[in-house]
Protein backbone atom coordinates (compact mmCIF):
# COMPACT_ATOMS: atom_id res chain seq x y z
CA MET A 1 24.26 18.04 73.49
CA THR A 2 25.33 15.06 71.41
CA THR A 3 27.94 12.49 72.42
CA THR A 4 29.17 12.36 68.81
CA PRO A 5 32.60 14.03 68.41
CA PRO A 6 32.12 17.57 67.07
CA LEU A 7 31.69 17.73 63.33
CA ARG A 8 32.23 20.49 60.81
CA VAL A 9 28.97 20.59 58.83
CA LEU A 10 28.83 22.48 55.54
CA LEU A 11 25.25 23.26 54.48
CA PHE A 12 24.64 23.91 50.75
CA PRO A 13 21.03 24.99 50.10
CA VAL A 14 20.05 26.59 46.78
CA GLY A 15 16.87 28.58 46.20
CA SER A 16 14.41 30.95 47.82
CA HIS A 17 13.79 31.70 51.51
CA GLY A 18 11.71 28.54 51.71
CA ASP A 19 14.70 26.50 50.52
CA VAL A 20 17.33 28.18 52.72
CA GLN A 21 15.47 28.77 56.00
CA PRO A 22 15.12 25.04 56.79
CA PHE A 23 18.89 24.67 56.50
CA ALA A 24 19.41 27.63 58.83
CA GLY A 25 17.13 25.86 61.31
CA ILE A 26 19.06 22.60 60.96
CA GLY A 27 22.30 24.52 61.35
CA ARG A 28 21.11 26.10 64.61
CA ALA A 29 20.08 22.69 65.95
CA LEU A 30 23.41 21.09 64.98
CA GLN A 31 25.30 23.98 66.52
CA ALA A 32 23.34 23.53 69.76
CA ARG A 33 24.51 19.89 69.72
CA GLY A 34 28.15 21.04 69.74
CA HIS A 35 29.00 21.01 66.03
CA GLU A 36 30.65 23.66 63.89
CA VAL A 37 28.28 24.76 61.12
CA PHE A 38 28.71 26.86 57.97
CA LEU A 39 25.79 28.02 55.83
CA CYS A 40 27.05 28.19 52.24
CA THR A 41 24.59 29.81 49.85
CA SER A 42 23.74 33.03 48.02
CA GLY A 43 25.10 36.25 49.49
CA TYR A 44 21.49 37.38 49.65
CA TYR A 45 21.10 35.26 52.81
CA GLU A 46 24.09 36.52 54.78
CA SER A 47 21.84 38.46 57.15
CA MET A 48 19.71 35.34 57.72
CA ALA A 49 22.85 33.41 58.69
CA GLY A 50 23.81 36.20 61.07
CA ARG A 51 20.41 36.20 62.76
CA ALA A 52 20.68 32.42 63.13
CA GLY A 53 24.18 32.71 64.61
CA LEU A 54 25.78 30.66 61.84
CA ALA A 55 29.10 31.13 60.07
CA PHE A 56 28.54 32.03 56.42
CA ARG A 57 30.18 31.63 53.04
CA ALA A 58 28.69 33.38 50.00
CA ILE A 59 28.07 31.64 46.68
CA GLY A 60 27.32 34.58 44.40
CA THR A 61 26.08 38.00 45.46
CA ALA A 62 22.76 39.40 46.63
CA GLU A 63 22.51 41.23 43.31
CA ASP A 64 22.91 37.91 41.46
CA PHE A 65 19.93 36.59 43.43
CA ARG A 66 17.81 39.64 42.61
CA ARG A 67 18.49 39.12 38.91
CA VAL A 68 17.24 35.55 39.24
CA THR A 69 13.96 36.59 40.85
CA ALA A 70 13.44 39.13 38.07
CA ASP A 71 13.32 36.34 35.46
CA PRO A 72 9.64 35.49 34.79
CA ASP A 73 10.69 32.03 33.57
CA LEU A 74 11.37 31.12 37.20
CA TRP A 75 7.63 30.56 37.67
CA HIS A 76 6.73 29.17 34.26
CA PRO A 77 5.42 25.56 34.38
CA ARG A 78 7.79 24.37 31.63
CA ARG A 79 10.68 26.87 31.65
CA ALA A 80 11.17 27.14 35.42
CA PHE A 81 13.65 24.30 35.83
CA GLY A 82 15.91 25.59 33.05
CA ALA A 83 15.96 29.02 34.71
CA VAL A 84 16.92 27.45 38.04
CA VAL A 85 19.77 25.50 36.43
CA ARG A 86 21.12 28.54 34.57
CA HIS A 87 20.86 31.00 37.43
CA GLY A 88 20.97 28.98 40.62
CA MET A 89 23.02 25.83 40.03
CA GLU A 90 25.69 26.19 37.34
CA PRO A 91 27.17 29.48 38.61
CA GLY A 92 27.83 27.86 41.98
CA TYR A 93 29.85 24.82 40.94
CA ALA A 94 33.31 26.41 41.16
CA ARG A 95 32.64 28.56 44.24
CA SER A 96 31.13 25.65 46.17
CA LEU A 97 34.22 23.55 45.55
CA GLU A 98 36.44 26.43 46.63
CA ILE A 99 34.50 26.78 49.90
CA ALA A 100 34.54 23.04 50.57
CA ARG A 101 38.30 22.88 50.04
CA GLU A 102 38.84 25.86 52.34
CA LEU A 103 36.74 24.42 55.18
CA HIS A 104 37.43 20.70 54.81
CA ALA A 105 38.65 19.08 58.03
CA PRO A 106 39.45 15.47 57.11
CA GLY A 107 37.65 12.94 59.25
CA ARG A 108 35.07 15.33 60.70
CA THR A 109 33.53 17.18 57.75
CA VAL A 110 30.02 16.37 56.49
CA LEU A 111 28.51 18.08 53.44
CA VAL A 112 24.73 18.52 53.48
CA ALA A 113 23.15 19.43 50.13
CA GLY A 114 19.70 20.61 49.19
CA THR A 115 17.94 19.19 46.15
CA LEU A 116 19.59 21.71 43.83
CA GLY A 117 22.97 21.58 45.58
CA LEU A 118 24.62 19.35 42.98
CA ALA A 119 27.85 21.30 43.51
CA ALA A 120 28.19 19.70 46.93
CA ARG A 121 28.30 16.22 45.41
CA ASN A 122 31.19 17.26 43.18
CA ALA A 123 33.04 18.56 46.24
CA ALA A 124 32.25 15.47 48.33
CA GLU A 125 33.70 13.18 45.64
CA LEU A 126 36.84 15.26 45.22
CA LEU A 127 37.44 15.53 48.97
CA ASP A 128 36.30 11.99 49.83
CA ALA A 129 33.92 13.47 52.41
CA PRO A 130 30.51 12.11 53.45
CA LEU A 131 27.50 13.68 51.75
CA VAL A 132 23.88 13.87 52.89
CA SER A 133 21.12 14.86 50.46
CA VAL A 134 18.24 16.73 52.08
CA HIS A 135 15.00 17.03 50.10
CA LEU A 136 12.31 19.36 51.39
CA ALA A 137 9.40 18.07 49.31
CA PRO A 138 8.26 14.58 48.28
CA SER A 139 7.87 15.48 44.59
CA ILE A 140 11.60 14.81 44.19
CA PHE A 141 10.99 11.06 44.46
CA PHE A 142 9.74 9.44 41.26
CA SER A 143 7.37 6.57 41.98
CA VAL A 144 5.24 4.33 39.82
CA ASP A 145 3.37 3.15 42.90
CA LYS A 146 2.34 6.68 43.97
CA PRO A 147 3.27 9.16 41.21
CA PRO A 148 3.96 12.73 42.29
CA ARG A 149 2.18 15.40 40.29
CA TYR A 150 4.18 17.60 37.90
CA PRO A 151 3.03 20.45 35.64
CA GLY A 152 2.32 19.09 32.17
CA MET A 153 2.34 15.44 33.27
CA LEU A 154 -0.71 13.30 32.52
CA TRP A 155 -2.35 11.90 35.61
CA TRP A 156 -5.61 10.29 36.59
CA ARG A 157 -6.65 7.68 39.11
CA GLY A 158 -5.91 4.23 37.77
CA MET A 159 -3.53 5.50 35.07
CA PRO A 160 -1.58 2.55 33.57
CA ARG A 161 1.87 2.01 35.10
CA TRP A 162 3.47 1.81 31.67
CA LEU A 163 2.30 5.36 30.92
CA THR A 164 3.78 6.62 34.18
CA ARG A 165 7.08 4.93 33.33
CA LEU A 166 7.04 6.45 29.86
CA GLN A 167 6.49 9.94 31.24
CA TYR A 168 9.33 9.45 33.73
CA TRP A 169 11.57 8.30 30.89
CA VAL A 170 10.80 11.51 29.01
CA ALA A 171 11.26 13.67 32.13
CA ASP A 172 14.55 11.93 32.89
CA ARG A 173 15.97 12.75 29.49
CA MET A 174 14.67 16.30 29.47
CA THR A 175 16.28 16.93 32.87
CA ASP A 176 19.55 15.35 31.76
CA ALA A 177 19.56 17.51 28.64
CA THR A 178 19.20 20.62 30.83
CA VAL A 179 21.60 19.74 33.66
CA LEU A 180 24.29 17.41 32.33
CA PRO A 181 26.10 19.58 29.75
CA GLY A 182 27.24 22.18 32.29
CA LEU A 183 27.63 19.73 35.16
CA ASN A 184 29.71 17.23 33.21
CA ARG A 185 31.94 19.94 31.74
CA PHE A 186 32.78 20.97 35.28
CA ARG A 187 33.30 17.38 36.40
CA ALA A 188 35.59 16.63 33.45
CA GLN A 189 37.69 19.69 34.27
CA HIS A 190 38.31 18.22 37.72
CA GLY A 191 38.92 14.63 36.71
CA LEU A 192 35.52 13.29 37.73
CA GLY A 193 33.52 10.84 35.68
CA PRO A 194 30.28 11.94 34.01
CA ALA A 195 27.02 12.08 35.95
CA ARG A 196 24.02 10.26 34.51
CA ARG A 197 20.31 9.93 35.27
CA ILE A 198 20.09 13.08 37.41
CA VAL A 199 16.49 12.73 38.61
CA ARG A 200 16.39 8.99 39.08
CA ARG A 201 19.76 8.60 40.75
CA TRP A 202 22.39 11.26 40.83
CA TRP A 203 20.96 14.01 43.00
CA HIS A 204 20.29 11.49 45.77
CA ALA A 205 23.49 10.97 47.79
CA PRO A 206 24.49 7.30 47.47
CA ALA A 207 24.58 6.58 51.22
CA ARG A 208 22.16 8.92 52.99
CA VAL A 209 19.07 10.89 51.90
CA ILE A 210 16.76 12.75 54.29
CA GLY A 211 13.20 13.75 53.41
CA LEU A 212 12.15 16.72 55.55
CA PHE A 213 8.50 15.77 55.83
CA PRO A 214 6.57 13.20 57.89
CA PRO A 215 5.26 9.90 56.50
CA TRP A 216 1.64 10.98 56.96
CA PHE A 217 2.21 13.81 54.47
CA ALA A 218 3.92 11.57 51.91
CA PRO A 219 4.05 7.86 52.73
CA PRO A 220 7.33 6.23 51.55
CA GLN A 221 6.89 4.12 48.44
CA PRO A 222 8.51 0.75 47.66
CA ASP A 223 10.29 2.20 44.61
CA TRP A 224 11.87 5.16 46.43
CA PRO A 225 15.68 4.97 46.83
CA PRO A 226 16.46 2.59 49.71
CA GLN A 227 18.74 5.10 51.47
CA VAL A 228 15.87 7.56 52.10
CA ARG A 229 14.83 8.32 55.68
CA LEU A 230 11.97 10.67 56.55
CA THR A 231 12.30 12.87 59.62
CA GLY A 232 9.75 15.71 59.55
CA PHE A 233 9.11 19.35 58.69
CA PRO A 234 11.92 21.61 59.99
CA LEU A 235 9.55 24.59 60.60
CA TYR A 236 12.27 27.20 61.23
CA ASP A 237 11.00 30.60 60.06
CA GLU A 238 13.13 33.03 62.13
CA ALA A 239 10.42 33.59 64.70
CA GLY A 240 12.12 35.15 67.70
CA VAL A 241 15.07 36.51 65.72
CA GLN A 242 13.12 38.49 63.10
CA PRO A 243 11.10 41.40 64.54
CA LEU A 244 7.40 41.64 63.78
CA PRO A 245 6.45 44.51 61.46
CA ASP A 246 4.81 47.59 62.89
CA GLY A 247 1.05 47.44 62.76
CA LEU A 248 0.67 43.65 62.51
CA ALA A 249 -0.42 43.00 66.09
CA GLY A 250 -2.90 45.87 66.02
CA PHE A 251 -4.41 44.68 62.75
CA LEU A 252 -4.80 41.11 64.03
CA ASP A 253 -6.44 42.37 67.21
CA ALA A 254 -8.83 44.71 65.40
CA GLY A 255 -11.22 42.17 63.88
CA ASP A 256 -11.95 38.66 62.71
CA ALA A 257 -9.22 36.25 61.65
CA PRO A 258 -7.93 37.39 58.22
CA LEU A 259 -7.15 35.47 55.07
CA VAL A 260 -3.40 35.40 54.38
CA PHE A 261 -2.10 35.60 50.80
CA THR A 262 1.47 34.89 49.65
CA PRO A 263 2.75 33.74 46.23
CA GLY A 264 6.23 32.91 47.56
CA SER A 265 9.17 34.90 48.87
CA ALA A 266 10.93 35.04 45.49
CA MET A 267 7.84 35.82 43.42
CA ALA A 268 8.46 39.24 41.86
CA HIS A 269 5.55 38.96 39.40
CA GLY A 270 2.55 38.77 41.73
CA ARG A 271 0.50 41.78 40.60
CA LYS A 272 -2.40 39.73 39.26
CA PHE A 273 -2.40 37.43 42.30
CA PHE A 274 -2.63 40.29 44.78
CA ALA A 275 -5.19 42.24 42.76
CA GLN A 276 -7.46 39.19 42.71
CA ALA A 277 -6.73 38.55 46.40
CA VAL A 278 -8.06 41.97 47.37
CA LYS A 279 -11.19 41.41 45.28
CA ALA A 280 -11.72 37.96 46.81
CA CYS A 281 -11.60 39.48 50.29
CA GLY A 282 -14.30 41.92 49.23
CA LEU A 283 -16.49 39.18 47.77
CA LEU A 284 -16.24 37.18 51.01
CA GLY A 285 -16.52 40.16 53.33
CA ARG A 286 -13.27 39.12 55.01
CA ARG A 287 -10.12 40.89 56.08
CA GLY A 288 -6.83 40.06 54.41
CA ILE A 289 -3.04 40.16 54.84
CA LEU A 290 -0.82 40.33 51.75
CA LEU A 291 2.77 39.11 52.22
CA SER A 292 5.40 40.13 49.66
CA GLN A 293 8.84 41.72 49.68
CA PHE A 294 8.03 43.30 46.30
CA PRO A 295 5.84 46.34 47.13
CA GLU A 296 5.42 47.17 43.44
CA THR A 297 3.22 44.07 43.12
CA ILE A 298 0.71 45.29 45.74
CA PRO A 299 -2.39 47.23 44.56
CA ARG A 300 -2.46 50.88 45.48
CA ASP A 301 -5.05 52.29 47.88
CA LEU A 302 -5.77 49.07 49.75
CA PRO A 303 -9.03 49.06 51.70
CA ALA A 304 -8.73 49.43 55.47
CA THR A 305 -9.59 45.74 55.82
CA VAL A 306 -6.50 44.60 53.88
CA ARG A 307 -2.88 45.19 54.93
CA HIS A 308 0.46 44.52 53.24
CA PHE A 309 3.60 43.39 55.06
CA SER A 310 6.97 42.58 53.50
CA TYR A 311 7.76 39.64 55.76
CA VAL A 312 6.22 37.99 58.79
CA PRO A 313 7.37 34.66 60.30
CA PHE A 314 4.51 32.39 59.33
CA SER A 315 4.35 30.80 62.76
CA ARG A 316 3.44 34.23 64.18
CA VAL A 317 0.52 34.93 61.85
CA PHE A 318 -0.94 31.64 60.55
CA PRO A 319 -2.36 30.54 63.93
CA ARG A 320 -4.45 33.74 63.91
CA ALA A 321 -5.56 33.39 60.26
CA ALA A 322 -8.79 31.94 58.88
CA ALA A 323 -7.15 30.36 55.84
CA LEU A 324 -4.02 30.54 53.67
CA VAL A 325 -3.92 31.27 49.94
CA SER A 326 -0.43 30.54 48.65
CA HIS A 327 1.76 29.10 45.91
CA GLY A 328 1.99 25.80 47.77
CA GLY A 329 5.68 25.87 48.65
CA ILE A 330 6.51 23.10 51.07
CA GLY A 331 7.66 25.35 53.94
CA THR A 332 4.56 27.53 53.69
CA THR A 333 2.41 24.41 53.50
CA ALA A 334 4.02 22.93 56.61
CA GLN A 335 3.44 26.07 58.68
CA ALA A 336 -0.24 26.21 57.69
CA LEU A 337 -0.68 22.52 58.54
CA ARG A 338 0.82 23.16 61.95
CA ALA A 339 -1.48 26.16 62.46
CA GLY A 340 -4.52 24.01 61.64
CA ILE A 341 -5.96 26.25 58.91
CA PRO A 342 -7.26 25.33 55.43
CA HIS A 343 -5.19 25.92 52.30
CA LEU A 344 -6.02 27.21 48.84
CA VAL A 345 -3.04 26.68 46.54
CA MET A 346 -2.42 28.68 43.36
CA HIS A 347 0.20 26.37 41.86
CA MET A 348 2.65 27.57 39.23
CA ALA A 349 5.75 25.36 38.96
CA HIS A 350 8.31 23.22 40.83
CA ASP A 351 6.81 21.09 43.66
CA GLN A 352 3.66 23.17 44.06
CA LEU A 353 1.17 21.02 42.13
CA ASP A 354 2.25 17.91 44.00
CA ASN A 355 2.00 19.61 47.39
CA ALA A 356 -1.46 20.90 46.43
CA GLN A 357 -2.64 17.42 45.47
CA ARG A 358 -1.44 16.02 48.80
CA LEU A 359 -3.36 18.71 50.68
CA VAL A 360 -6.51 17.84 48.73
CA GLU A 361 -6.04 14.14 49.53
CA LEU A 362 -5.49 14.97 53.21
CA GLY A 363 -8.82 16.83 53.22
CA VAL A 364 -7.47 20.26 54.22
CA GLY A 365 -7.24 22.19 50.97
CA ASP A 366 -8.09 22.90 47.36
CA SER A 367 -6.16 24.28 44.39
CA ILE A 368 -6.34 26.50 41.32
CA ALA A 369 -3.83 26.71 38.46
CA ALA A 370 -2.21 30.15 38.24
CA ALA A 371 -3.73 30.80 34.81
CA ARG A 372 -7.23 30.30 36.24
CA PHE A 373 -6.76 32.23 39.48
CA THR A 374 -9.52 34.86 39.65
CA ALA A 375 -11.30 36.47 42.58
CA PRO A 376 -14.65 34.72 41.99
CA ARG A 377 -13.04 31.26 41.72
CA ALA A 378 -10.86 31.86 44.76
CA ALA A 379 -13.81 33.18 46.76
CA ARG A 380 -15.97 30.14 45.91
CA LYS A 381 -13.26 27.68 46.88
CA LEU A 382 -12.40 29.56 50.06
CA ALA A 383 -16.05 29.72 51.10
CA ALA A 384 -16.37 25.95 50.66
CA LEU A 385 -13.24 25.32 52.75
CA LEU A 386 -14.20 27.76 55.50
CA ASP A 387 -17.77 26.50 55.76
CA SER A 388 -16.86 22.81 55.98
CA PRO A 389 -16.86 21.24 59.46
CA ASP A 390 -15.04 18.21 57.97
CA VAL A 391 -12.19 20.42 56.74
CA ALA A 392 -11.97 22.15 60.12
CA ALA A 393 -11.85 18.82 61.95
CA ARG A 394 -9.22 17.43 59.61
CA CYS A 395 -7.07 20.57 60.02
CA ARG A 396 -7.16 20.14 63.80
CA GLU A 397 -6.35 16.45 63.52
CA LEU A 398 -3.24 17.02 61.39
CA ALA A 399 -2.03 19.92 63.53
CA ALA A 400 -2.05 17.57 66.53
CA ARG A 401 0.40 15.23 64.74
CA PHE A 402 3.25 17.74 64.75
CA GLU A 403 6.36 16.77 66.73
CA PRO A 404 8.87 19.48 65.75
CA ASP A 405 11.44 18.79 68.49
CA GLN A 406 11.54 15.06 67.72
CA TRP A 407 11.66 15.71 63.98
CA MET A 408 14.65 18.06 64.31
CA GLN A 409 16.44 15.66 66.65
CA SER A 410 16.03 12.85 64.10
CA THR A 411 17.34 15.08 61.31
CA CYS A 412 20.45 15.96 63.31
CA GLU A 413 21.07 12.34 64.26
CA TRP A 414 20.95 11.20 60.64
CA ILE A 415 23.46 13.88 59.65
CA GLU A 416 25.74 12.93 62.54
CA GLN A 417 25.61 9.27 61.59
CA ALA A 418 26.81 10.09 58.08
CA ALA A 419 30.24 10.87 59.56
CA ARG A 420 30.61 7.38 61.02
């Protein structure tokens, strides 16, 4: 229990399960410290809020969310961000402000926004309420000293700094061209000045930014915004409140540790990925678990050595897995690091390439671009990871660095201090 006077904390995550679950975990922790918490996001996640014991306000409907996941552009290396802006950000500007006005308690309200929660900054300015930006992955921070990896961006060791700056200049303007027209129309309608330089400046709250990852995963760089503080991975995945699917325990007990395959909770176009996953299991002579809430993407007539489940809390299955093959989302990555298993990342868009590169540099993983993901390539890379004693030792070493209770306490403290 905190000694800080109780706050009313409004959480505004935007995105897939991997974007929203961490905020549900933070909300539970803040609530346990005596604060009043509201999870404000897509209606698709109302049941998640209920399982977490959090008050909920919907921004759009569950059907709106399903339409977003049906758009193949969501996973395209170049068109993904535009799809996110059109479907996930712009439609929420007005509703987010409405919710913030309804719940605002002057003097004790704090707004906490995810990377894509630009609507919360509009509301914070209009209500003169403190705002905290929470970024789940380090790719959000441009740096010339240690450039994050983005799809389509040139990169090699020793690349000239001027070329990095030039690419950031181009990325800055492309992002502004996508985000600013709709955002600034909304701001003008409410008497707010125009936003500028979205990536470099504007989606970082001016006073307080939290990076939900530890420094050993992404060391802070001198050219990051000075108001950034790193806490650590939140790791909440509904274990204990989400029942395990029938048949999982029996399958895990029936043989060797399986390979686990997931292309992301919102990935509705994973047919090729799962078909190649089944073949890779056969080539390696290993058992497999396929995780997807889209059963139409799963091959028919799976062999007895491969099982499909719609959802399993990662913390309940990764510790019993041999390796993870995934899209490289930051939440999935964190759970596999904690479990001490190697990673093979099939990166598509968003932060995935950067997360994959960090895993390679940490010595616990490898990667394949989605266009090159085939069973033989995946099998070769998995065999190399699984057969390497150095990879196994490094996985154990990083798993021992996890301090989830301390990380969550630090996250809550930084949010509480924003109200002072």
